[in-house]
All heavy atoms as atom14 arrays in JSON, in Angstrom:
{
  "sequence": "AYLGRTDQQVKIRGHRVELGEVEAVFAAH",
  "atom14_mask": [
    [1, 1, 1, 1, 1, 0, 0, 0, 0, 0, 0, 0, 0, 0],
    [1, 1, 1, 1, 1, 1, 1, 1, 1, 1, 1, 1, 0, 0],
    [1, 1, 1, 1, 1, 1, 1, 1, 0, 0, 0, 0, 0, 0],
    [1, 1, 1, 1, 0, 0, 0, 0, 0, 0, 0, 0, 0, 0],
    [1, 1, 1, 1, 1, 1, 1, 1, 1, 1, 1, 0, 0, 0],
    [1, 1, 1, 1, 1, 1, 1, 0, 0, 0, 0, 0, 0, 0],
    [1, 1, 1, 1, 1, 1, 1, 1, 0, 0, 0, 0, 0, 0],
    [1, 1, 1, 1, 1, 1, 1, 1, 1, 0, 0, 0, 0, 0],
    [1, 1, 1, 1, 1, 1, 1, 1, 1, 0, 0, 0, 0, 0],
    [1, 1, 1, 1, 1, 1, 1, 0, 0, 0, 0, 0, 0, 0],
    [1, 1, 1, 1, 1, 1, 1, 1, 1, 0, 0, 0, 0, 0],
    [1, 1, 1, 1, 1, 1, 1, 1, 0, 0, 0, 0, 0, 0],
    [1, 1, 1, 1, 1, 1, 1, 1, 1, 1, 1, 0, 0, 0],
    [1, 1, 1, 1, 0, 0, 0, 0, 0, 0, 0, 0, 0, 0],
    [1, 1, 1, 1, 1, 1, 1, 1, 1, 1, 0, 0, 0, 0],
    [1, 1, 1, 1, 1, 1, 1, 1, 1, 1, 1, 0, 0, 0],
    [1, 1, 1, 1, 1, 1, 1, 0, 0, 0, 0, 0, 0, 0],
    [1, 1, 1, 1, 1, 1, 1, 1, 1, 0, 0, 0, 0, 0],
    [1, 1, 1, 1, 1, 1, 1, 1, 0, 0, 0, 0, 0, 0],
    [1, 1, 1, 1, 0, 0, 0, 0, 0, 0, 0, 0, 0, 0],
    [1, 1, 1, 1, 1, 1, 1, 1, 1, 0, 0, 0, 0, 0],
    [1, 1, 1, 1, 1, 1, 1, 0, 0, 0, 0, 0, 0, 0],
    [1, 1, 1, 1, 1, 1, 1, 1, 1, 0, 0, 0, 0, 0],
    [1, 1, 1, 1, 1, 0, 0, 0, 0, 0, 0, 0, 0, 0],
    [1, 1, 1, 1, 1, 1, 1, 0, 0, 0, 0, 0, 0, 0],
    [1, 1, 1, 1, 1, 1, 1, 1, 1, 1, 1, 0, 0, 0],
    [1, 1, 1, 1, 1, 0, 0, 0, 0, 0, 0, 0, 0, 0],
    [1, 1, 1, 1, 1, 0, 0, 0, 0, 0, 0, 0, 0, 0],
    [1, 1, 1, 1, 1, 1, 1, 1, 1, 1, 0, 0, 0, 0]
  ],
  "atom14_positions": [
    [[50.73, 9.8, 20.51], [49.33, 9.48, 20.77], [48.85, 8.49, 19.71], [49.11, 8.65, 18.52], [48.47, 10.74, 20.74], [0.0, 0.0, 0.0], [0.0, 0.0, 0.0], [0.0, 0.0, 0.0], [0.0, 0.0, 0.0], [0.0, 0.0, 0.0], [0.0, 0.0, 0.0], [0.0, 0.0, 0.0], [0.0, 0.0, 0.0], [0.0, 0.0, 0.0]],
    [[48.15, 7.47, 20.16], [47.68, 6.39, 19.29], [46.33, 6.77, 18.68], [45.42, 7.21, 19.38], [47.56, 5.1, 20.1], [46.97, 3.93, 19.35], [47.75, 3.19, 18.46], [45.65, 3.55, 19.55], [47.23, 2.1, 17.77], [45.12, 2.46, 18.87], [45.91, 1.74, 17.99], [45.38, 0.67, 17.32], [0.0, 0.0, 0.0], [0.0, 0.0, 0.0]],
    [[46.2, 6.58, 17.36], [44.95, 6.88, 16.66], [44.21, 5.63, 16.21], [42.98, 5.61, 16.15], [45.22, 7.77, 15.44], [45.83, 9.14, 15.69], [46.05, 9.86, 14.36], [44.94, 9.97, 16.6], [0.0, 0.0, 0.0], [0.0, 0.0, 0.0], [0.0, 0.0, 0.0], [0.0, 0.0, 0.0], [0.0, 0.0, 0.0], [0.0, 0.0, 0.0]],
    [[44.93, 4.6, 15.84], [44.28, 3.39, 15.33], [45.28, 2.58, 14.53], [46.49, 2.75, 14.64], [0.0, 0.0, 0.0], [0.0, 0.0, 0.0], [0.0, 0.0, 0.0], [0.0, 0.0, 0.0], [0.0, 0.0, 0.0], [0.0, 0.0, 0.0], [0.0, 0.0, 0.0], [0.0, 0.0, 0.0], [0.0, 0.0, 0.0], [0.0, 0.0, 0.0]],
    [[44.75, 1.69, 13.7], [45.58, 0.83, 12.89], [45.57, 1.28, 11.43], [44.55, 1.78, 10.93], [45.06, -0.61, 12.97], [45.19, -1.25, 14.32], [46.61, -1.63, 14.62], [47.1, -2.59, 13.62], [48.38, -2.93, 13.52], [49.29, -2.38, 14.3], [48.76, -3.8, 12.61], [0.0, 0.0, 0.0], [0.0, 0.0, 0.0], [0.0, 0.0, 0.0]],
    [[46.71, 1.13, 10.76], [46.74, 1.49, 9.34], [45.89, 0.55, 8.51], [45.49, 0.89, 7.4], [48.18, 1.47, 8.8], [48.75, 0.18, 9.03], [49.03, 2.52, 9.49], [0.0, 0.0, 0.0], [0.0, 0.0, 0.0], [0.0, 0.0, 0.0], [0.0, 0.0, 0.0], [0.0, 0.0, 0.0], [0.0, 0.0, 0.0], [0.0, 0.0, 0.0]],
    [[45.61, -0.66, 9.04], [44.73, -1.55, 8.29], [43.27, -1.13, 8.41], [42.38, -1.79, 7.91], [44.91, -3.01, 8.72], [44.76, -3.22, 10.23], [44.19, -2.32, 10.89], [45.22, -4.25, 10.73], [0.0, 0.0, 0.0], [0.0, 0.0, 0.0], [0.0, 0.0, 0.0], [0.0, 0.0, 0.0], [0.0, 0.0, 0.0], [0.0, 0.0, 0.0]],
    [[43.03, 0.01, 9.09], [41.7, 0.61, 9.09], [41.51, 1.54, 7.9], [40.47, 2.16, 7.76], [41.46, 1.41, 10.38], [41.24, 0.56, 11.63], [40.9, 1.43, 12.81], [41.69, 2.24, 13.28], [39.7, 1.28, 13.32], [0.0, 0.0, 0.0], [0.0, 0.0, 0.0], [0.0, 0.0, 0.0], [0.0, 0.0, 0.0], [0.0, 0.0, 0.0]],
    [[42.52, 1.65, 7.04], [42.39, 2.51, 5.87], [41.32, 1.96, 4.93], [41.27, 0.77, 4.66], [43.72, 2.6, 5.12], [44.78, 3.42, 5.83], [46.03, 3.55, 4.96], [46.22, 2.81, 4.02], [46.86, 4.51, 5.29], [0.0, 0.0, 0.0], [0.0, 0.0, 0.0], [0.0, 0.0, 0.0], [0.0, 0.0, 0.0], [0.0, 0.0, 0.0]],
    [[40.49, 2.84, 4.43], [39.47, 2.46, 3.46], [39.44, 3.53, 2.38], [39.98, 4.63, 2.54], [38.07, 2.35, 4.11], [38.04, 1.23, 5.12], [37.68, 3.67, 4.79], [0.0, 0.0, 0.0], [0.0, 0.0, 0.0], [0.0, 0.0, 0.0], [0.0, 0.0, 0.0], [0.0, 0.0, 0.0], [0.0, 0.0, 0.0], [0.0, 0.0, 0.0]],
    [[38.83, 3.21, 1.26], [38.68, 4.19, 0.19], [37.23, 4.62, 0.11], [36.32, 3.79, -0.01], [39.14, 3.6, -1.15], [40.64, 3.75, -1.37], [40.98, 3.69, -2.84], [42.44, 4.08, -3.06], [42.79, 4.09, -4.49], [0.0, 0.0, 0.0], [0.0, 0.0, 0.0], [0.0, 0.0, 0.0], [0.0, 0.0, 0.0], [0.0, 0.0, 0.0]],
    [[37.02, 5.92, 0.22], [35.69, 6.52, 0.11], [35.7, 7.4, -1.13], [36.37, 8.44, -1.16], [35.33, 7.35, 1.35], [35.45, 6.52, 2.63], [33.94, 7.95, 1.21], [34.44, 5.41, 2.76], [0.0, 0.0, 0.0], [0.0, 0.0, 0.0], [0.0, 0.0, 0.0], [0.0, 0.0, 0.0], [0.0, 0.0, 0.0], [0.0, 0.0, 0.0]],
    [[35.0, 6.97, -2.17], [34.91, 7.71, -3.43], [36.28, 8.16, -3.93], [36.49, 9.32, -4.28], [33.95, 8.89, -3.27], [32.54, 8.47, -2.92], [31.54, 9.56, -3.16], [31.75, 10.74, -2.36], [31.34, 10.87, -1.11], [30.7, 9.86, -0.53], [31.55, 11.97, -0.45], [0.0, 0.0, 0.0], [0.0, 0.0, 0.0], [0.0, 0.0, 0.0]],
    [[37.25, 7.22, -3.91], [38.56, 7.48, -4.48], [39.57, 8.06, -3.51], [40.75, 8.15, -3.84], [0.0, 0.0, 0.0], [0.0, 0.0, 0.0], [0.0, 0.0, 0.0], [0.0, 0.0, 0.0], [0.0, 0.0, 0.0], [0.0, 0.0, 0.0], [0.0, 0.0, 0.0], [0.0, 0.0, 0.0], [0.0, 0.0, 0.0], [0.0, 0.0, 0.0]],
    [[39.15, 8.45, -2.31], [40.07, 9.02, -1.32], [40.39, 7.96, -0.26], [39.5, 7.27, 0.24], [39.45, 10.24, -0.64], [39.23, 11.39, -1.56], [40.23, 12.29, -1.89], [38.13, 11.81, -2.24], [39.75, 13.2, -2.72], [38.48, 12.94, -2.95], [0.0, 0.0, 0.0], [0.0, 0.0, 0.0], [0.0, 0.0, 0.0], [0.0, 0.0, 0.0]],
    [[41.67, 7.87, 0.11], [42.07, 6.95, 1.17], [41.79, 7.61, 2.51], [42.26, 8.71, 2.79], [43.55, 6.59, 1.05], [43.96, 5.48, 2.0], [45.34, 4.95, 1.67], [45.38, 4.32, 0.36], [44.95, 3.09, 0.12], [44.45, 2.35, 1.11], [45.01, 2.58, -1.07], [0.0, 0.0, 0.0], [0.0, 0.0, 0.0], [0.0, 0.0, 0.0]],
    [[41.0, 6.95, 3.34], [40.54, 7.51, 4.61], [41.06, 6.66, 5.76], [40.97, 5.43, 5.72], [38.99, 7.57, 4.65], [38.5, 7.97, 6.02], [38.48, 8.54, 3.59], [0.0, 0.0, 0.0], [0.0, 0.0, 0.0], [0.0, 0.0, 0.0], [0.0, 0.0, 0.0], [0.0, 0.0, 0.0], [0.0, 0.0, 0.0], [0.0, 0.0, 0.0]],
    [[41.62, 7.31, 6.78], [42.02, 6.64, 8.01], [40.87, 6.76, 9.0], [40.54, 7.86, 9.47], [43.27, 7.31, 8.6], [44.47, 7.33, 7.67], [45.24, 6.03, 7.72], [44.78, 5.1, 8.4], [46.29, 5.94, 7.06], [0.0, 0.0, 0.0], [0.0, 0.0, 0.0], [0.0, 0.0, 0.0], [0.0, 0.0, 0.0], [0.0, 0.0, 0.0]],
    [[40.22, 5.66, 9.33], [39.09, 5.71, 10.26], [39.53, 6.23, 11.61], [38.78, 6.95, 12.29], [38.47, 4.32, 10.39], [37.86, 3.73, 9.11], [37.28, 2.36, 9.38], [36.8, 4.66, 8.53], [0.0, 0.0, 0.0], [0.0, 0.0, 0.0], [0.0, 0.0, 0.0], [0.0, 0.0, 0.0], [0.0, 0.0, 0.0], [0.0, 0.0, 0.0]],
    [[40.74, 5.89, 12.03], [41.24, 6.38, 13.31], [41.38, 7.89, 13.34], [41.16, 8.53, 14.38], [0.0, 0.0, 0.0], [0.0, 0.0, 0.0], [0.0, 0.0, 0.0], [0.0, 0.0, 0.0], [0.0, 0.0, 0.0], [0.0, 0.0, 0.0], [0.0, 0.0, 0.0], [0.0, 0.0, 0.0], [0.0, 0.0, 0.0], [0.0, 0.0, 0.0]],
    [[41.75, 8.48, 12.22], [41.87, 9.93, 12.14], [40.5, 10.6, 12.3], [40.35, 11.61, 13.0], [42.5, 10.33, 10.81], [42.78, 11.82, 10.67], [43.46, 12.16, 9.36], [43.81, 11.23, 8.6], [43.65, 13.37, 9.1], [0.0, 0.0, 0.0], [0.0, 0.0, 0.0], [0.0, 0.0, 0.0], [0.0, 0.0, 0.0], [0.0, 0.0, 0.0]],
    [[39.48, 10.03, 11.65], [38.12, 10.56, 11.79], [37.66, 10.45, 13.24], [37.09, 11.39, 13.81], [37.16, 9.81, 10.84], [35.73, 10.3, 11.03], [37.59, 9.97, 9.39], [0.0, 0.0, 0.0], [0.0, 0.0, 0.0], [0.0, 0.0, 0.0], [0.0, 0.0, 0.0], [0.0, 0.0, 0.0], [0.0, 0.0, 0.0], [0.0, 0.0, 0.0]],
    [[37.91, 9.3, 13.86], [37.5, 9.1, 15.25], [38.2, 10.08, 16.18], [37.59, 10.59, 17.13], [37.8, 7.65, 15.66], [36.91, 6.64, 14.97], [37.32, 5.2, 15.25], [38.45, 4.99, 15.74], [36.52, 4.29, 14.99], [0.0, 0.0, 0.0], [0.0, 0.0, 0.0], [0.0, 0.0, 0.0], [0.0, 0.0, 0.0], [0.0, 0.0, 0.0]],
    [[39.47, 10.36, 15.92], [40.22, 11.28, 16.79], [39.63, 12.68, 16.75], [39.56, 13.37, 17.77], [41.69, 11.3, 16.38], [0.0, 0.0, 0.0], [0.0, 0.0, 0.0], [0.0, 0.0, 0.0], [0.0, 0.0, 0.0], [0.0, 0.0, 0.0], [0.0, 0.0, 0.0], [0.0, 0.0, 0.0], [0.0, 0.0, 0.0], [0.0, 0.0, 0.0]],
    [[39.19, 13.12, 15.57], [38.61, 14.47, 15.46], [37.29, 14.54, 16.21], [37.03, 15.51, 16.94], [38.43, 14.84, 13.97], [37.73, 16.19, 13.85], [39.77, 14.88, 13.26], [0.0, 0.0, 0.0], [0.0, 0.0, 0.0], [0.0, 0.0, 0.0], [0.0, 0.0, 0.0], [0.0, 0.0, 0.0], [0.0, 0.0, 0.0], [0.0, 0.0, 0.0]],
    [[36.44, 13.52, 16.07], [35.17, 13.54, 16.79], [35.39, 13.4, 18.29], [34.69, 14.04, 19.09], [34.27, 12.41, 16.28], [33.45, 12.77, 15.08], [33.95, 12.56, 13.8], [32.19, 13.33, 15.21], [33.21, 12.91, 12.69], [31.44, 13.68, 14.1], [31.95, 13.46, 12.84], [0.0, 0.0, 0.0], [0.0, 0.0, 0.0], [0.0, 0.0, 0.0]],
    [[36.34, 12.58, 18.7], [36.59, 12.37, 20.13], [37.06, 13.63, 20.82], [36.92, 13.77, 22.05], [37.62, 11.25, 20.32], [0.0, 0.0, 0.0], [0.0, 0.0, 0.0], [0.0, 0.0, 0.0], [0.0, 0.0, 0.0], [0.0, 0.0, 0.0], [0.0, 0.0, 0.0], [0.0, 0.0, 0.0], [0.0, 0.0, 0.0], [0.0, 0.0, 0.0]],
    [[37.62, 14.59, 20.05], [38.09, 15.84, 20.65], [36.94, 16.78, 21.0], [37.14, 17.75, 21.74], [39.05, 16.53, 19.69], [0.0, 0.0, 0.0], [0.0, 0.0, 0.0], [0.0, 0.0, 0.0], [0.0, 0.0, 0.0], [0.0, 0.0, 0.0], [0.0, 0.0, 0.0], [0.0, 0.0, 0.0], [0.0, 0.0, 0.0], [0.0, 0.0, 0.0]],
    [[35.73, 16.51, 20.5], [34.59, 17.38, 20.82], [34.13, 17.09, 22.25], [34.0, 15.94, 22.66], [33.44, 17.1, 19.84], [32.34, 18.12, 19.9], [31.41, 18.15, 20.92], [32.03, 19.15, 19.07], [30.57, 19.15, 20.71], [30.91, 19.77, 19.59], [0.0, 0.0, 0.0], [0.0, 0.0, 0.0], [0.0, 0.0, 0.0], [0.0, 0.0, 0.0]]
  ]
}
């Protein structure tokens, strides 16, 4: 299953965040 691109990685207060991973969790609701 496709989540997004690794170049969507960003750092939020020192943590590396995958935007696609966040979107996948919300999309499951």
